[in-house]
Amino acid sequence: MKIFQFKTNINSTQQQEKIKPLLHEIKGITRWSVNNNAMQVEGYGIKPEKIIDIITSAGYTCSIIED
């Protein structure tokens, strides 16, 4: 399992509800959360570029936080 951290401008429950169905469409995601403009995504076989594309297409900023 891989864990990815992203910086984003998603910070409200309403915004999280907007991206929820989009993230559920990505095969391999087992869990995700957003807290203080940071998003954590866990799963198998997921590509961070796919997550970034989906979040930015929904109108939010999203960039990976490198370890």
PDB file of N, CA and C in Angstrom:
ATOM      1  N   MET A   1       0.850  -1.173   0.000  1.00  0.00           N
ATOM      2  CA  MET A   1       0.000   0.000   0.000  1.00  0.00           C
ATOM      3  C   MET A   1       0.898   1.239   0.000  1.00  0.00           C
ATOM      4  N   LYS A   2       0.465   2.243  -0.732  1.00  0.00           N
ATOM      5  CA  LYS A   2       1.173   3.519  -0.796  1.00  0.00           C
ATOM      6  C   LYS A   2       0.319   4.589  -0.135  1.00  0.00           C
ATOM      7  N   ILE A   3       0.993   5.552   0.467  1.00  0.00           N
ATOM      8  CA  ILE A   3       0.330   6.709   1.055  1.00  0.00           C
ATOM      9  C   ILE A   3       0.900   7.951   0.401  1.00  0.00           C
ATOM     10  N   PHE A   4       0.019   8.787  -0.146  1.00  0.00           N
ATOM     11  CA  PHE A   4       0.431  10.029  -0.789  1.00  0.00           C
ATOM     12  C   PHE A   4      -0.137  11.204  -0.016  1.00  0.00           C
ATOM     13  N   GLN A   5       0.656  12.269   0.073  1.00  0.00           N
ATOM     14  CA  GLN A   5       0.237  13.509   0.716  1.00  0.00           C
ATOM     15  C   GLN A   5       0.176  14.601  -0.346  1.00  0.00           C
ATOM     16  N   PHE A   6      -0.887  15.385  -0.314  1.00  0.00           N
ATOM     17  CA  PHE A   6      -1.079  16.467  -1.272  1.00  0.00           C
ATOM     18  C   PHE A   6      -1.387  17.768  -0.546  1.00  0.00           C
ATOM     19  N   LYS A   7      -0.909  18.861  -1.096  1.00  0.00           N
ATOM     20  CA  LYS A   7      -1.309  20.188  -0.632  1.00  0.00           C
ATOM     21  C   LYS A   7      -2.474  20.615  -1.512  1.00  0.00           C
ATOM     22  N   THR A   8      -3.542  21.126  -0.891  1.00  0.00           N
ATOM     23  CA  THR A   8      -4.732  21.496  -1.641  1.00  0.00           C
ATOM     24  C   THR A   8      -5.420  22.687  -0.976  1.00  0.00           C
ATOM     25  N   ASN A   9      -6.334  23.304  -1.682  1.00  0.00           N
ATOM     26  CA  ASN A   9      -7.117  24.387  -1.081  1.00  0.00           C
ATOM     27  C   ASN A   9      -8.505  23.904  -0.650  1.00  0.00           C
ATOM     28  N   ILE A  10      -8.689  22.614  -0.559  1.00  0.00           N
ATOM     29  CA  ILE A  10      -9.941  22.028  -0.059  1.00  0.00           C
ATOM     30  C   ILE A  10      -9.917  22.130   1.459  1.00  0.00           C
ATOM     31  N   ASN A  11     -10.923  22.808   2.033  1.00  0.00           N
ATOM     32  CA  ASN A  11     -10.901  22.957   3.486  1.00  0.00           C
ATOM     33  C   ASN A  11     -12.274  22.889   4.147  1.00  0.00           C
ATOM     34  N   SER A  12     -13.326  22.759   3.392  1.00  0.00           N
ATOM     35  CA  SER A  12     -14.649  22.684   4.023  1.00  0.00           C
ATOM     36  C   SER A  12     -15.285  21.317   3.768  1.00  0.00           C
ATOM     37  N   THR A  13     -16.264  21.013   4.595  1.00  0.00           N
ATOM     38  CA  THR A  13     -17.000  19.758   4.432  1.00  0.00           C
ATOM     39  C   THR A  13     -17.707  19.714   3.080  1.00  0.00           C
ATOM     40  N   GLN A  14     -18.245  20.855   2.653  1.00  0.00           N
ATOM     41  CA  GLN A  14     -18.935  20.915   1.362  1.00  0.00           C
ATOM     42  C   GLN A  14     -17.964  20.619   0.213  1.00  0.00           C
ATOM     43  N   GLN A  15     -16.763  21.139   0.305  1.00  0.00           N
ATOM     44  CA  GLN A  15     -15.764  20.871  -0.732  1.00  0.00           C
ATOM     45  C   GLN A  15     -15.358  19.401  -0.720  1.00  0.00           C
ATOM     46  N   GLN A  16     -15.234  18.823   0.454  1.00  0.00           N
ATOM     47  CA  GLN A  16     -14.904  17.400   0.549  1.00  0.00           C
ATOM     48  C   GLN A  16     -16.013  16.543  -0.046  1.00  0.00           C
ATOM     49  N   GLU A  17     -17.255  16.944   0.186  1.00  0.00           N
ATOM     50  CA  GLU A  17     -18.382  16.205  -0.387  1.00  0.00           C
ATOM     51  C   GLU A  17     -18.382  16.289  -1.917  1.00  0.00           C
ATOM     52  N   LYS A  18     -17.907  17.395  -2.450  1.00  0.00           N
ATOM     53  CA  LYS A  18     -17.848  17.565  -3.905  1.00  0.00           C
ATOM     54  C   LYS A  18     -16.824  16.617  -4.539  1.00  0.00           C
ATOM     55  N   ILE A  19     -15.689  16.401  -3.880  1.00  0.00           N
ATOM     56  CA  ILE A  19     -14.653  15.544  -4.466  1.00  0.00           C
ATOM     57  C   ILE A  19     -14.836  14.064  -4.119  1.00  0.00           C
ATOM     58  N   LYS A  20     -15.664  13.789  -3.130  1.00  0.00           N
ATOM     59  CA  LYS A  20     -15.867  12.406  -2.680  1.00  0.00           C
ATOM     60  C   LYS A  20     -16.214  11.443  -3.816  1.00  0.00           C
ATOM     61  N   PRO A  21     -17.232  11.737  -4.635  1.00  0.00           N
ATOM     62  CA  PRO A  21     -17.553  10.789  -5.713  1.00  0.00           C
ATOM     63  C   PRO A  21     -16.430  10.679  -6.753  1.00  0.00           C
ATOM     64  N   LEU A  22     -15.668  11.737  -6.928  1.00  0.00           N
ATOM     65  CA  LEU A  22     -14.567  11.710  -7.892  1.00  0.00           C
ATOM     66  C   LEU A  22     -13.463  10.777  -7.421  1.00  0.00           C
ATOM     67  N   LEU A  23     -13.128  10.845  -6.146  1.00  0.00           N
ATOM     68  CA  LEU A  23     -12.087   9.964  -5.605  1.00  0.00           C
ATOM     69  C   LEU A  23     -12.550   8.518  -5.536  1.00  0.00           C
ATOM     70  N   HIS A  24     -13.841   8.300  -5.316  1.00  0.00           N
ATOM     71  CA  HIS A  24     -14.358   6.936  -5.251  1.00  0.00           C
ATOM     72  C   HIS A  24     -14.317   6.251  -6.623  1.00  0.00           C
ATOM     73  N   GLU A  25     -14.196   7.034  -7.685  1.00  0.00           N
ATOM     74  CA  GLU A  25     -14.095   6.465  -9.032  1.00  0.00           C
ATOM     75  C   GLU A  25     -12.699   5.919  -9.332  1.00  0.00           C
ATOM     76  N   ILE A  26     -11.703   6.321  -8.548  1.00  0.00           N
ATOM     77  CA  ILE A  26     -10.331   5.887  -8.802  1.00  0.00           C
ATOM     78  C   ILE A  26     -10.118   4.516  -8.172  1.00  0.00           C
ATOM     79  N   LYS A  27      -9.870   3.542  -9.025  1.00  0.00           N
ATOM     80  CA  LYS A  27      -9.655   2.181  -8.560  1.00  0.00           C
ATOM     81  C   LYS A  27      -8.362   2.111  -7.745  1.00  0.00           C
ATOM     82  N   GLY A  28      -8.443   1.465  -6.600  1.00  0.00           N
ATOM     83  CA  GLY A  28      -7.261   1.257  -5.768  1.00  0.00           C
ATOM     84  C   GLY A  28      -7.211   2.116  -4.522  1.00  0.00           C
ATOM     85  N   ILE A  29      -8.004   3.198  -4.462  1.00  0.00           N
ATOM     86  CA  ILE A  29      -8.006   4.028  -3.263  1.00  0.00           C
ATOM     87  C   ILE A  29      -8.764   3.299  -2.158  1.00  0.00           C
ATOM     88  N   THR A  30      -8.105   3.137  -1.014  1.00  0.00           N
ATOM     89  CA  THR A  30      -8.742   2.465   0.113  1.00  0.00           C
ATOM     90  C   THR A  30      -9.205   3.450   1.183  1.00  0.00           C
ATOM     91  N   ARG A  31      -8.554   4.619   1.235  1.00  0.00           N
ATOM     92  CA  ARG A  31      -8.924   5.617   2.225  1.00  0.00           C
ATOM     93  C   ARG A  31      -8.358   6.966   1.825  1.00  0.00           C
ATOM     94  N   TRP A  32      -9.091   8.020   2.148  1.00  0.00           N
ATOM     95  CA  TRP A  32      -8.588   9.375   1.921  1.00  0.00           C
ATOM     96  C   TRP A  32      -9.150  10.299   2.983  1.00  0.00           C
ATOM     97  N   SER A  33      -8.431  11.396   3.223  1.00  0.00           N
ATOM     98  CA  SER A  33      -8.883  12.383   4.195  1.00  0.00           C
ATOM     99  C   SER A  33      -8.286  13.740   3.847  1.00  0.00           C
ATOM    100  N   VAL A  34      -8.957  14.794   4.306  1.00  0.00           N
ATOM    101  CA  VAL A  34      -8.477  16.160   4.122  1.00  0.00           C
ATOM    102  C   VAL A  34      -8.489  16.838   5.483  1.00  0.00           C
ATOM    103  N   ASN A  35      -7.366  17.488   5.823  1.00  0.00           N
ATOM    104  CA  ASN A  35      -7.264  18.178   7.097  1.00  0.00           C
ATOM    105  C   ASN A  35      -6.286  19.346   6.942  1.00  0.00           C
ATOM    106  N   ASN A  36      -6.753  20.551   7.244  1.00  0.00           N
ATOM    107  CA  ASN A  36      -5.894  21.745   7.183  1.00  0.00           C
ATOM    108  C   ASN A  36      -5.201  21.904   5.828  1.00  0.00           C
ATOM    109  N   ASN A  37      -5.963  21.805   4.767  1.00  0.00           N
ATOM    110  CA  ASN A  37      -5.475  21.980   3.397  1.00  0.00           C
ATOM    111  C   ASN A  37      -4.440  20.930   2.979  1.00  0.00           C
ATOM    112  N   ALA A  38      -4.436  19.807   3.665  1.00  0.00           N
ATOM    113  CA  ALA A  38      -3.584  18.683   3.276  1.00  0.00           C
ATOM    114  C   ALA A  38      -4.480  17.467   3.067  1.00  0.00           C
ATOM    115  N   MET A  39      -4.256  16.776   1.963  1.00  0.00           N
ATOM    116  CA  MET A  39      -5.043  15.589   1.653  1.00  0.00           C
ATOM    117  C   MET A  39      -4.123  14.376   1.676  1.00  0.00           C
ATOM    118  N   GLN A  40      -4.575  13.328   2.337  1.00  0.00           N
ATOM    119  CA  GLN A  40      -3.842  12.067   2.364  1.00  0.00           C
ATOM    120  C   GLN A  40      -4.672  11.021   1.644  1.00  0.00           C
ATOM    121  N   VAL A  41      -4.030  10.295   0.740  1.00  0.00           N
ATOM    122  CA  VAL A  41      -4.705   9.246  -0.025  1.00  0.00           C
ATOM    123  C   VAL A  41      -3.902   7.954   0.127  1.00  0.00           C
ATOM    124  N   GLU A  42      -4.590   6.885   0.499  1.00  0.00           N
ATOM    125  CA  GLU A  42      -3.961   5.581   0.674  1.00  0.00           C
ATOM    126  C   GLU A  42      -4.561   4.598  -0.322  1.00  0.00           C
ATOM    127  N   GLY A  43      -3.725   3.679  -0.798  1.00  0.00           N
ATOM    128  CA  GLY A  43      -4.259   2.660  -1.684  1.00  0.00           C
ATOM    129  C   GLY A  43      -3.192   1.861  -2.397  1.00  0.00           C
ATOM    130  N   TYR A  44      -3.660   1.063  -3.321  1.00  0.00           N
ATOM    131  CA  TYR A  44      -2.811   0.156  -4.091  1.00  0.00           C
ATOM    132  C   TYR A  44      -2.886   0.513  -5.575  1.00  0.00           C
ATOM    133  N   GLY A  45      -1.741   0.641  -6.207  1.00  0.00           N
ATOM    134  CA  GLY A  45      -1.700   0.865  -7.648  1.00  0.00           C
ATOM    135  C   GLY A  45      -2.229   2.213  -8.101  1.00  0.00           C
ATOM    136  N   ILE A  46      -2.278   3.180  -7.205  1.00  0.00           N
ATOM    137  CA  ILE A  46      -2.785   4.493  -7.595  1.00  0.00           C
ATOM    138  C   ILE A  46      -1.630   5.392  -8.025  1.00  0.00           C
ATOM    139  N   LYS A  47      -1.930   6.284  -8.940  1.00  0.00           N
ATOM    140  CA  LYS A  47      -0.935   7.217  -9.441  1.00  0.00           C
ATOM    141  C   LYS A  47      -1.288   8.624  -8.965  1.00  0.00           C
ATOM    142  N   PRO A  48      -0.333   9.304  -8.339  1.00  0.00           N
ATOM    143  CA  PRO A  48      -0.634  10.647  -7.828  1.00  0.00           C
ATOM    144  C   PRO A  48      -1.063  11.620  -8.927  1.00  0.00           C
ATOM    145  N   GLU A  49      -0.564  11.429 -10.143  1.00  0.00           N
ATOM    146  CA  GLU A  49      -0.940  12.313 -11.255  1.00  0.00           C
ATOM    147  C   GLU A  49      -2.429  12.235 -11.542  1.00  0.00           C
ATOM    148  N   LYS A  50      -2.999  11.066 -11.401  1.00  0.00           N
ATOM    149  CA  LYS A  50      -4.434  10.871 -11.622  1.00  0.00           C
ATOM    150  C   LYS A  50      -5.246  11.642 -10.583  1.00  0.00           C
ATOM    151  N   ILE A  51      -4.802  11.589  -9.345  1.00  0.00           N
ATOM    152  CA  ILE A  51      -5.486  12.313  -8.269  1.00  0.00           C
ATOM    153  C   ILE A  51      -5.389  13.818  -8.509  1.00  0.00           C
ATOM    154  N   ILE A  52      -4.209  14.283  -8.864  1.00  0.00           N
ATOM    155  CA  ILE A  52      -4.008  15.711  -9.142  1.00  0.00           C
ATOM    156  C   ILE A  52      -4.912  16.156 -10.287  1.00  0.00           C
ATOM    157  N   ASP A  53      -4.990  15.370 -11.351  1.00  0.00           N
ATOM    158  CA  ASP A  53      -5.846  15.713 -12.492  1.00  0.00           C
ATOM    159  C   ASP A  53      -7.312  15.828 -12.079  1.00  0.00           C
ATOM    160  N   ILE A  54      -7.785  14.895 -11.303  1.00  0.00           N
ATOM    161  CA  ILE A  54      -9.189  14.886 -10.898  1.00  0.00           C
ATOM    162  C   ILE A  54      -9.509  16.065  -9.977  1.00  0.00           C
ATOM    163  N   ILE A  55      -8.639  16.327  -9.025  1.00  0.00           N
ATOM    164  CA  ILE A  55      -8.887  17.422  -8.083  1.00  0.00           C
ATOM    165  C   ILE A  55      -8.821  18.773  -8.790  1.00  0.00           C
ATOM    166  N   THR A  56      -7.844  18.967  -9.661  1.00  0.00           N
ATOM    167  CA  THR A  56      -7.738  20.245 -10.367  1.00  0.00           C
ATOM    168  C   THR A  56      -8.879  20.427 -11.367  1.00  0.00           C
ATOM    169  N   SER A  57      -9.349  19.344 -11.963  1.00  0.00           N
ATOM    170  CA  SER A  57     -10.482  19.456 -12.892  1.00  0.00           C
ATOM    171  C   SER A  57     -11.770  19.834 -12.154  1.00  0.00           C
ATOM    172  N   ALA A  58     -11.818  19.573 -10.847  1.00  0.00           N
ATOM    173  CA  ALA A  58     -12.967  19.962 -10.030  1.00  0.00           C
ATOM    174  C   ALA A  58     -12.856  21.412  -9.560  1.00  0.00           C
ATOM    175  N   GLY A  59     -11.755  22.075  -9.909  1.00  0.00           N
ATOM    176  CA  GLY A  59     -11.602  23.490  -9.583  1.00  0.00           C
ATOM    177  C   GLY A  59     -10.762  23.801  -8.356  1.00  0.00           C
ATOM    178  N   TYR A  60     -10.065  22.813  -7.841  1.00  0.00           N
ATOM    179  CA  TYR A  60      -9.236  23.016  -6.659  1.00  0.00           C
ATOM    180  C   TYR A  60      -7.761  22.891  -7.019  1.00  0.00           C
ATOM    181  N   THR A  61      -6.906  23.425  -6.145  1.00  0.00           N
ATOM    182  CA  THR A  61      -5.467  23.234  -6.332  1.00  0.00           C
ATOM    183  C   THR A  61      -5.067  21.923  -5.704  1.00  0.00           C
ATOM    184  N   CYS A  62      -4.035  21.303  -6.261  1.00  0.00           N
ATOM    185  CA  CYS A  62      -3.562  20.029  -5.728  1.00  0.00           C
ATOM    186  C   CYS A  62      -2.145  19.788  -6.231  1.00  0.00           C
ATOM    187  N   SER A  63      -1.230  19.591  -5.296  1.00  0.00           N
ATOM    188  CA  SER A  63       0.142  19.239  -5.650  1.00  0.00           C
ATOM    189  C   SER A  63       0.671  18.262  -4.626  1.00  0.00           C
ATOM    190  N   ILE A  64       1.511  17.351  -5.082  1.00  0.00           N
ATOM    191  CA  ILE A  64       2.026  16.324  -4.203  1.00  0.00           C
ATOM    192  C   ILE A  64       3.061  16.922  -3.261  1.00  0.00           C
ATOM    193  N   ILE A  65       3.060  16.451  -2.040  1.00  0.00           N
ATOM    194  CA  ILE A  65       4.079  16.820  -1.056  1.00  0.00           C
ATOM    195  C   ILE A  65       5.107  15.696  -1.066  1.00  0.00           C
ATOM    196  N   GLU A  66       6.301  16.032  -1.491  1.00  0.00           N
ATOM    197  CA  GLU A  66       7.370  15.021  -1.566  1.00  0.00           C
ATOM    198  C   GLU A  66       7.889  14.701  -0.171  1.00  0.00           C
ATOM    199  N   ASP A  67       8.262  13.433   0.022  1.00  0.00           N
ATOM    200  CA  ASP A  67       8.844  13.017   1.316  1.00  0.00           C
ATOM    201  C   ASP A  67      10.191  13.658   1.523  1.00  0.00           C
TER     202      ASP A  67
END
